[in-house]
Amino acid sequence: MRTQGKARTKPTGGRLHKARGKRIYEMGSEPVLTNLEKNKSKTTRTKGGSSKSRLLSAETVNLFDPGSKKYSKAKIKSVLKNPANRHFVRRNIITKGSIIDTDKGSAKVTSRPSQDGIINAVLVKE
């Protein structure tokens, strides 16, 4: 179980001894690395009974054109740049802030695909 608790070591490198175990409210989840394939999503239950749609893979994007101020659907060709991790570009993993190449030009991703379940992007001028 992945938890989001305190670190096991002090800033100096010394060990911290736990006073208690893990709690269920500290539980986290494994990262979902949205890649460039056929559209596939998964719904997970969250705290309070709500649900979260996780996008496992995608091939289309909701593209916003700031010039015409209109949305359109576009097909994703590849990932050009990813500020989260440079190795994500080789693996075509899409995160928020990624620059993707679409059939209508390059665009910057504004949504969090692994949290929102959809990819929204803004067309960027080069």
N, C-alpha and C. Protein backbone atom coordinates (compact mmCIF):
# COMPACT_ATOMS: atom_id res chain seq x y z
N MET A 1 0.85 -1.18 0.00
CA MET A 1 0.00 0.00 0.00
C MET A 1 0.89 1.24 0.00
N ARG A 2 0.64 2.17 -0.93
CA ARG A 2 1.39 3.40 -1.02
C ARG A 2 0.72 4.45 -0.14
N THR A 3 1.50 5.02 0.79
CA THR A 3 0.95 6.04 1.68
C THR A 3 1.66 7.37 1.46
N GLN A 4 0.98 8.43 1.87
CA GLN A 4 1.54 9.76 1.76
C GLN A 4 1.76 10.30 3.16
N GLY A 5 2.78 9.79 3.81
CA GLY A 5 3.07 10.18 5.19
C GLY A 5 4.43 10.84 5.30
N LYS A 6 4.95 10.88 6.53
CA LYS A 6 6.25 11.49 6.78
C LYS A 6 7.37 10.63 6.21
N ALA A 7 8.51 11.26 5.98
CA ALA A 7 9.68 10.55 5.47
C ALA A 7 10.27 9.67 6.57
N ARG A 8 11.03 8.65 6.16
CA ARG A 8 11.65 7.74 7.12
C ARG A 8 12.95 8.29 7.68
N THR A 9 13.51 9.29 7.00
CA THR A 9 14.79 9.85 7.44
C THR A 9 14.65 11.34 7.74
N LYS A 10 15.55 11.81 8.60
CA LYS A 10 15.61 13.23 8.92
C LYS A 10 16.36 13.95 7.79
N PRO A 11 16.27 15.27 7.73
CA PRO A 11 17.01 16.01 6.70
C PRO A 11 18.52 15.77 6.76
N THR A 12 19.03 15.43 7.95
CA THR A 12 20.46 15.18 8.10
C THR A 12 20.86 13.77 7.65
N GLY A 13 19.87 12.90 7.45
CA GLY A 13 20.15 11.54 7.02
C GLY A 13 19.91 10.50 8.10
N GLY A 14 19.69 10.95 9.35
CA GLY A 14 19.44 10.02 10.45
C GLY A 14 18.07 9.37 10.34
N ARG A 15 17.91 8.21 10.96
CA ARG A 15 16.65 7.49 10.89
C ARG A 15 15.61 8.05 11.85
N LEU A 16 14.35 8.00 11.43
CA LEU A 16 13.23 8.35 12.30
C LEU A 16 12.51 7.05 12.65
N HIS A 17 12.20 6.85 13.91
CA HIS A 17 11.50 5.65 14.34
C HIS A 17 10.01 5.95 14.42
N LYS A 18 9.21 5.11 13.79
CA LYS A 18 7.77 5.32 13.72
C LYS A 18 7.11 5.14 15.09
N ALA A 19 6.19 6.04 15.42
CA ALA A 19 5.44 5.93 16.67
C ALA A 19 4.14 5.17 16.43
N ARG A 20 3.71 5.08 15.17
CA ARG A 20 2.48 4.37 14.83
C ARG A 20 2.58 3.83 13.40
N GLY A 21 1.59 3.06 13.02
CA GLY A 21 1.56 2.47 11.68
C GLY A 21 0.88 3.37 10.67
N LYS A 22 0.57 2.81 9.53
CA LYS A 22 -0.09 3.55 8.46
C LYS A 22 -1.58 3.65 8.74
N ARG A 23 -2.20 4.70 8.24
CA ARG A 23 -3.64 4.88 8.37
C ARG A 23 -4.26 4.85 6.98
N ILE A 24 -5.51 4.42 6.91
CA ILE A 24 -6.15 4.29 5.60
C ILE A 24 -6.36 5.65 4.94
N TYR A 25 -6.52 6.73 5.72
CA TYR A 25 -6.71 8.05 5.12
C TYR A 25 -5.41 8.62 4.55
N GLU A 26 -4.28 7.99 4.85
CA GLU A 26 -2.99 8.42 4.29
C GLU A 26 -2.68 7.70 2.98
N MET A 27 -3.59 6.82 2.56
CA MET A 27 -3.36 6.00 1.39
C MET A 27 -3.35 6.84 0.11
N GLY A 28 -2.41 6.55 -0.76
CA GLY A 28 -2.33 7.19 -2.06
C GLY A 28 -2.58 6.16 -3.15
N SER A 29 -2.21 6.49 -4.37
CA SER A 29 -2.39 5.54 -5.47
C SER A 29 -1.17 5.58 -6.38
N GLU A 30 -1.02 4.53 -7.15
CA GLU A 30 0.08 4.45 -8.11
C GLU A 30 -0.17 5.46 -9.23
N PRO A 31 0.89 6.04 -9.80
CA PRO A 31 0.69 7.00 -10.88
C PRO A 31 0.16 6.33 -12.14
N VAL A 32 -0.75 7.02 -12.83
CA VAL A 32 -1.27 6.54 -14.11
C VAL A 32 -0.55 7.32 -15.19
N LEU A 33 0.25 6.64 -15.98
CA LEU A 33 1.02 7.29 -17.04
C LEU A 33 0.24 7.16 -18.35
N THR A 34 -0.51 8.23 -18.71
CA THR A 34 -1.35 8.23 -19.90
C THR A 34 -0.46 8.22 -21.14
N ASN A 35 -0.64 7.20 -21.99
CA ASN A 35 0.19 7.13 -23.18
C ASN A 35 -0.65 7.24 -24.45
N LEU A 36 0.03 7.23 -25.58
CA LEU A 36 -0.59 7.48 -26.88
C LEU A 36 -0.98 6.16 -27.54
N GLU A 37 -2.22 5.75 -27.30
CA GLU A 37 -2.79 4.53 -27.88
C GLU A 37 -4.29 4.75 -28.04
N LYS A 38 -5.03 3.67 -28.31
CA LYS A 38 -6.48 3.76 -28.42
C LYS A 38 -7.08 4.22 -27.09
N ASN A 39 -8.16 5.03 -27.15
CA ASN A 39 -8.78 5.58 -25.94
C ASN A 39 -9.19 4.48 -24.96
N LYS A 40 -8.69 4.61 -23.72
CA LYS A 40 -9.05 3.66 -22.67
C LYS A 40 -9.02 4.41 -21.34
N SER A 41 -10.08 4.27 -20.54
CA SER A 41 -10.11 4.93 -19.23
C SER A 41 -10.63 3.97 -18.17
N LYS A 42 -10.40 4.35 -16.91
CA LYS A 42 -10.80 3.52 -15.78
C LYS A 42 -11.37 4.44 -14.71
N THR A 43 -12.45 4.02 -14.06
CA THR A 43 -13.05 4.81 -12.99
C THR A 43 -12.66 4.20 -11.65
N THR A 44 -12.18 5.04 -10.74
CA THR A 44 -11.79 4.57 -9.42
C THR A 44 -12.60 5.30 -8.35
N ARG A 45 -12.85 4.62 -7.25
CA ARG A 45 -13.57 5.21 -6.13
C ARG A 45 -12.60 6.03 -5.30
N THR A 46 -13.03 7.22 -4.88
CA THR A 46 -12.19 8.08 -4.05
C THR A 46 -12.84 8.27 -2.68
N LYS A 47 -12.19 9.03 -1.83
CA LYS A 47 -12.70 9.26 -0.49
C LYS A 47 -14.05 9.97 -0.54
N GLY A 48 -14.96 9.53 0.29
CA GLY A 48 -16.29 10.13 0.34
C GLY A 48 -17.25 9.52 -0.65
N GLY A 49 -16.85 8.46 -1.34
CA GLY A 49 -17.73 7.79 -2.29
C GLY A 49 -17.76 8.42 -3.66
N SER A 50 -16.98 9.48 -3.88
CA SER A 50 -16.91 10.10 -5.20
C SER A 50 -16.12 9.19 -6.13
N SER A 51 -16.09 9.55 -7.40
CA SER A 51 -15.32 8.76 -8.35
C SER A 51 -14.39 9.66 -9.15
N LYS A 52 -13.33 9.07 -9.65
CA LYS A 52 -12.34 9.79 -10.44
C LYS A 52 -12.09 8.99 -11.70
N SER A 53 -12.18 9.65 -12.85
CA SER A 53 -11.94 8.98 -14.12
C SER A 53 -10.47 9.11 -14.48
N ARG A 54 -9.81 7.98 -14.65
CA ARG A 54 -8.38 7.99 -14.97
C ARG A 54 -8.19 7.57 -16.43
N LEU A 55 -7.51 8.40 -17.20
CA LEU A 55 -7.27 8.12 -18.61
C LEU A 55 -6.00 7.30 -18.75
N LEU A 56 -6.13 6.05 -19.17
CA LEU A 56 -4.98 5.16 -19.31
C LEU A 56 -4.25 5.42 -20.63
N SER A 57 -5.01 5.63 -21.70
CA SER A 57 -4.41 5.95 -23.00
C SER A 57 -5.40 6.76 -23.82
N ALA A 58 -4.88 7.55 -24.76
CA ALA A 58 -5.73 8.42 -25.57
C ALA A 58 -5.10 8.63 -26.94
N GLU A 59 -5.96 8.94 -27.92
CA GLU A 59 -5.47 9.26 -29.26
C GLU A 59 -6.08 10.56 -29.78
N THR A 60 -7.06 11.14 -29.04
CA THR A 60 -7.67 12.40 -29.45
C THR A 60 -7.55 13.43 -28.33
N VAL A 61 -7.70 14.70 -28.70
CA VAL A 61 -7.57 15.80 -27.75
C VAL A 61 -8.62 16.86 -28.07
N ASN A 62 -9.16 17.51 -27.03
CA ASN A 62 -10.04 18.67 -27.21
C ASN A 62 -9.13 19.87 -27.36
N LEU A 63 -9.05 20.41 -28.55
CA LEU A 63 -8.09 21.46 -28.88
C LEU A 63 -8.77 22.83 -28.93
N PHE A 64 -8.23 23.79 -28.16
CA PHE A 64 -8.76 25.16 -28.14
C PHE A 64 -7.87 26.05 -28.99
N ASP A 65 -8.49 26.77 -29.93
CA ASP A 65 -7.75 27.71 -30.78
C ASP A 65 -7.98 29.12 -30.24
N PRO A 66 -6.94 29.77 -29.67
CA PRO A 66 -7.13 31.11 -29.09
C PRO A 66 -7.48 32.17 -30.13
N GLY A 67 -7.09 31.96 -31.38
CA GLY A 67 -7.39 32.92 -32.44
C GLY A 67 -8.88 32.99 -32.74
N SER A 68 -9.49 31.83 -32.99
CA SER A 68 -10.92 31.78 -33.31
C SER A 68 -11.78 31.58 -32.07
N LYS A 69 -11.14 31.29 -30.92
CA LYS A 69 -11.82 31.04 -29.65
C LYS A 69 -12.84 29.90 -29.76
N LYS A 70 -12.43 28.83 -30.45
CA LYS A 70 -13.31 27.69 -30.64
C LYS A 70 -12.57 26.40 -30.31
N TYR A 71 -13.34 25.41 -29.85
CA TYR A 71 -12.81 24.08 -29.57
C TYR A 71 -13.03 23.17 -30.77
N SER A 72 -12.10 22.24 -30.96
CA SER A 72 -12.26 21.22 -31.98
C SER A 72 -11.54 19.96 -31.52
N LYS A 73 -11.93 18.83 -32.09
CA LYS A 73 -11.30 17.56 -31.73
C LYS A 73 -10.17 17.31 -32.72
N ALA A 74 -9.01 16.90 -32.19
CA ALA A 74 -7.85 16.64 -33.05
C ALA A 74 -7.21 15.32 -32.68
N LYS A 75 -6.50 14.74 -33.63
CA LYS A 75 -5.80 13.47 -33.42
C LYS A 75 -4.37 13.77 -32.98
N ILE A 76 -3.91 13.07 -31.95
CA ILE A 76 -2.55 13.27 -31.44
C ILE A 76 -1.58 12.43 -32.26
N LYS A 77 -0.49 13.07 -32.73
CA LYS A 77 0.54 12.34 -33.49
C LYS A 77 1.63 11.83 -32.56
N SER A 78 2.20 12.74 -31.74
CA SER A 78 3.28 12.34 -30.83
C SER A 78 3.46 13.40 -29.74
N VAL A 79 4.32 13.08 -28.76
CA VAL A 79 4.67 14.02 -27.70
C VAL A 79 6.00 14.66 -28.09
N LEU A 80 6.03 16.00 -28.15
CA LEU A 80 7.24 16.72 -28.55
C LEU A 80 8.12 17.08 -27.37
N LYS A 81 7.49 17.49 -26.25
CA LYS A 81 8.24 17.95 -25.08
C LYS A 81 7.42 17.67 -23.83
N ASN A 82 8.10 17.29 -22.75
CA ASN A 82 7.41 17.05 -21.49
C ASN A 82 8.27 17.58 -20.35
N PRO A 83 7.86 18.70 -19.71
CA PRO A 83 8.66 19.27 -18.63
C PRO A 83 8.68 18.42 -17.36
N ALA A 84 7.74 17.48 -17.21
CA ALA A 84 7.70 16.63 -16.02
C ALA A 84 8.87 15.65 -16.01
N ASN A 85 9.19 15.08 -17.16
CA ASN A 85 10.27 14.09 -17.25
C ASN A 85 10.69 13.98 -18.71
N ARG A 86 11.97 14.14 -18.99
CA ARG A 86 12.44 14.11 -20.38
C ARG A 86 12.31 12.72 -21.00
N HIS A 87 12.27 11.68 -20.18
CA HIS A 87 12.14 10.32 -20.70
C HIS A 87 10.71 10.00 -21.12
N PHE A 88 9.73 10.82 -20.69
CA PHE A 88 8.34 10.62 -21.08
C PHE A 88 8.12 10.87 -22.57
N VAL A 89 9.01 11.66 -23.19
CA VAL A 89 8.88 11.98 -24.61
C VAL A 89 9.08 10.72 -25.44
N ARG A 90 10.09 9.93 -25.11
CA ARG A 90 10.36 8.68 -25.84
C ARG A 90 9.21 7.69 -25.70
N ARG A 91 8.60 7.67 -24.51
CA ARG A 91 7.52 6.71 -24.23
C ARG A 91 6.14 7.25 -24.60
N ASN A 92 6.07 8.49 -25.15
CA ASN A 92 4.82 9.15 -25.53
C ASN A 92 3.83 9.22 -24.37
N ILE A 93 4.32 9.62 -23.18
CA ILE A 93 3.46 9.77 -22.00
C ILE A 93 3.02 11.22 -21.90
N ILE A 94 1.70 11.41 -21.73
CA ILE A 94 1.11 12.75 -21.73
C ILE A 94 0.77 13.16 -20.31
N THR A 95 1.30 14.32 -19.87
CA THR A 95 0.98 14.90 -18.57
C THR A 95 0.60 16.37 -18.78
N LYS A 96 0.17 17.03 -17.72
CA LYS A 96 -0.15 18.45 -17.81
C LYS A 96 1.13 19.23 -18.13
N GLY A 97 1.05 20.14 -19.10
CA GLY A 97 2.21 20.92 -19.50
C GLY A 97 2.96 20.35 -20.68
N SER A 98 2.61 19.14 -21.11
CA SER A 98 3.28 18.51 -22.25
C SER A 98 2.96 19.27 -23.53
N ILE A 99 3.93 19.32 -24.44
CA ILE A 99 3.71 19.87 -25.77
C ILE A 99 3.49 18.68 -26.69
N ILE A 100 2.31 18.61 -27.31
CA ILE A 100 1.99 17.48 -28.18
C ILE A 100 1.83 17.95 -29.62
N ASP A 101 2.10 17.05 -30.55
CA ASP A 101 1.95 17.34 -31.97
C ASP A 101 0.62 16.75 -32.42
N THR A 102 -0.27 17.61 -32.95
CA THR A 102 -1.57 17.16 -33.44
C THR A 102 -1.65 17.40 -34.94
N ASP A 103 -2.74 16.93 -35.55
CA ASP A 103 -2.91 17.16 -36.99
C ASP A 103 -3.24 18.62 -37.30
N LYS A 104 -3.51 19.45 -36.28
CA LYS A 104 -3.79 20.87 -36.49
C LYS A 104 -2.65 21.76 -35.98
N GLY A 105 -1.52 21.17 -35.60
CA GLY A 105 -0.37 21.92 -35.09
C GLY A 105 -0.01 21.46 -33.68
N SER A 106 1.01 22.11 -33.11
CA SER A 106 1.43 21.72 -31.76
C SER A 106 0.57 22.41 -30.72
N ALA A 107 0.38 21.73 -29.57
CA ALA A 107 -0.50 22.23 -28.53
C ALA A 107 0.05 21.90 -27.16
N LYS A 108 -0.32 22.72 -26.16
CA LYS A 108 0.11 22.51 -24.78
C LYS A 108 -1.07 21.94 -23.99
N VAL A 109 -0.84 20.84 -23.27
CA VAL A 109 -1.90 20.17 -22.50
C VAL A 109 -2.20 20.99 -21.25
N THR A 110 -3.49 21.29 -21.03
CA THR A 110 -3.90 22.10 -19.88
C THR A 110 -4.62 21.29 -18.81
N SER A 111 -5.05 20.07 -19.14
CA SER A 111 -5.73 19.22 -18.15
C SER A 111 -4.77 18.19 -17.59
N ARG A 112 -5.21 17.51 -16.53
CA ARG A 112 -4.42 16.42 -15.94
C ARG A 112 -5.07 15.11 -16.37
N PRO A 113 -4.55 14.48 -17.43
CA PRO A 113 -5.21 13.29 -17.98
C PRO A 113 -5.43 12.17 -16.99
N SER A 114 -4.47 11.93 -16.10
CA SER A 114 -4.61 10.82 -15.16
C SER A 114 -5.57 11.16 -14.02
N GLN A 115 -5.98 12.41 -13.88
CA GLN A 115 -6.92 12.81 -12.83
C GLN A 115 -8.30 13.17 -13.41
N ASP A 116 -8.32 13.79 -14.60
CA ASP A 116 -9.56 14.30 -15.19
C ASP A 116 -10.25 13.32 -16.12
N GLY A 117 -9.49 12.42 -16.73
CA GLY A 117 -10.07 11.45 -17.64
C GLY A 117 -10.25 11.97 -19.05
N ILE A 118 -9.67 13.13 -19.37
CA ILE A 118 -9.79 13.72 -20.70
C ILE A 118 -8.56 14.59 -20.96
N ILE A 119 -8.24 14.81 -22.22
CA ILE A 119 -7.10 15.67 -22.56
C ILE A 119 -7.62 16.94 -23.21
N ASN A 120 -7.38 18.08 -22.56
CA ASN A 120 -7.67 19.40 -23.12
C ASN A 120 -6.34 20.07 -23.41
N ALA A 121 -6.26 20.80 -24.52
CA ALA A 121 -5.01 21.46 -24.89
C ALA A 121 -5.30 22.77 -25.60
N VAL A 122 -4.30 23.67 -25.58
CA VAL A 122 -4.38 24.96 -26.24
C VAL A 122 -3.37 24.98 -27.37
N LEU A 123 -3.80 25.41 -28.54
CA LEU A 123 -2.92 25.50 -29.70
C LEU A 123 -1.85 26.56 -29.44
N VAL A 124 -0.59 26.23 -29.71
CA VAL A 124 0.49 27.20 -29.50
C VAL A 124 1.08 27.60 -30.84
N LYS A 125 1.40 28.88 -30.96
CA LYS A 125 2.02 29.40 -32.18
C LYS A 125 3.52 29.24 -32.09
N GLU A 126 4.14 28.83 -33.17
CA GLU A 126 5.60 28.64 -33.16
C GLU A 126 6.29 29.69 -33.99
